Amino acid sequence: MQSYRTLSKIAVALAAVTLLSSCGNTIRGIGRDTSNAVEATRQAGNDVANSF
């Protein structure tokens, strides 16, 4: 019985670590996407300004 509890705790800990590392990668990706969107918007503004 004790080994099942220990195994369950280890499984939950591994699942939590996996979930948290996935969240970190997602947040980092969102930051890159936002940065790219800001840069594209800035470039589009420059293109419009230069066309006049």
Protein backbone atom coordinates (compact mmCIF):
# COMPACT_ATOMS: atom_id res chain seq x y z
CA MET A 1 0.00 0.00 0.00
CA GLN A 2 2.81 2.42 0.91
CA SER A 3 4.58 1.85 -2.43
CA TYR A 4 1.41 2.83 -4.33
CA ARG A 5 1.23 6.12 -2.42
CA THR A 6 4.88 6.83 -3.12
CA LEU A 7 4.43 5.95 -6.78
CA SER A 8 1.34 8.17 -6.96
CA LYS A 9 3.21 11.09 -5.42
CA ILE A 10 6.06 10.67 -7.89
CA ALA A 11 3.62 10.52 -10.81
CA VAL A 12 1.84 13.67 -9.65
CA ALA A 13 5.17 15.49 -9.20
CA LEU A 14 6.31 14.49 -12.70
CA ALA A 15 3.01 15.60 -14.19
CA ALA A 16 3.26 18.95 -12.40
CA VAL A 17 6.82 19.52 -13.62
CA THR A 18 5.82 18.65 -17.18
CA LEU A 19 2.82 20.98 -17.03
CA LEU A 20 4.84 23.86 -15.61
CA SER A 21 7.60 23.50 -18.20
CA SER A 22 4.99 23.49 -20.95
CA CYS A 23 3.50 26.70 -19.58
CA GLY A 24 6.92 28.32 -19.59
CA ASN A 25 7.46 27.44 -23.24
CA THR A 26 4.01 28.74 -24.14
CA ILE A 27 4.56 32.04 -22.36
CA ARG A 28 7.93 32.44 -24.05
CA GLY A 29 6.31 31.76 -27.43
CA ILE A 30 3.57 34.32 -26.77
CA GLY A 31 6.25 36.88 -25.98
CA ARG A 32 7.99 36.19 -29.29
CA ASP A 33 4.72 36.38 -31.20
CA THR A 34 3.84 39.69 -29.56
CA SER A 35 7.28 41.07 -30.35
CA ASN A 36 6.94 40.02 -33.99
CA ALA A 37 3.47 41.58 -34.23
CA VAL A 38 4.75 44.88 -32.79
CA GLU A 39 7.67 44.89 -35.23
CA ALA A 40 5.38 44.15 -38.19
CA THR A 41 3.02 46.95 -37.15
CA ARG A 42 5.92 49.37 -36.80
CA GLN A 43 7.25 48.40 -40.22
CA ALA A 44 3.81 48.80 -41.79
CA GLY A 45 3.54 52.28 -40.26
CA ASN A 46 6.93 53.19 -41.69
CA ASP A 47 5.91 51.88 -45.12
CA VAL A 48 2.73 53.99 -45.06
CA ALA A 49 4.64 57.08 -43.90
CA ASN A 50 7.25 56.64 -46.63
CA SER A 51 4.63 56.22 -49.36
CA PHE A 52 3.49 59.84 -49.08
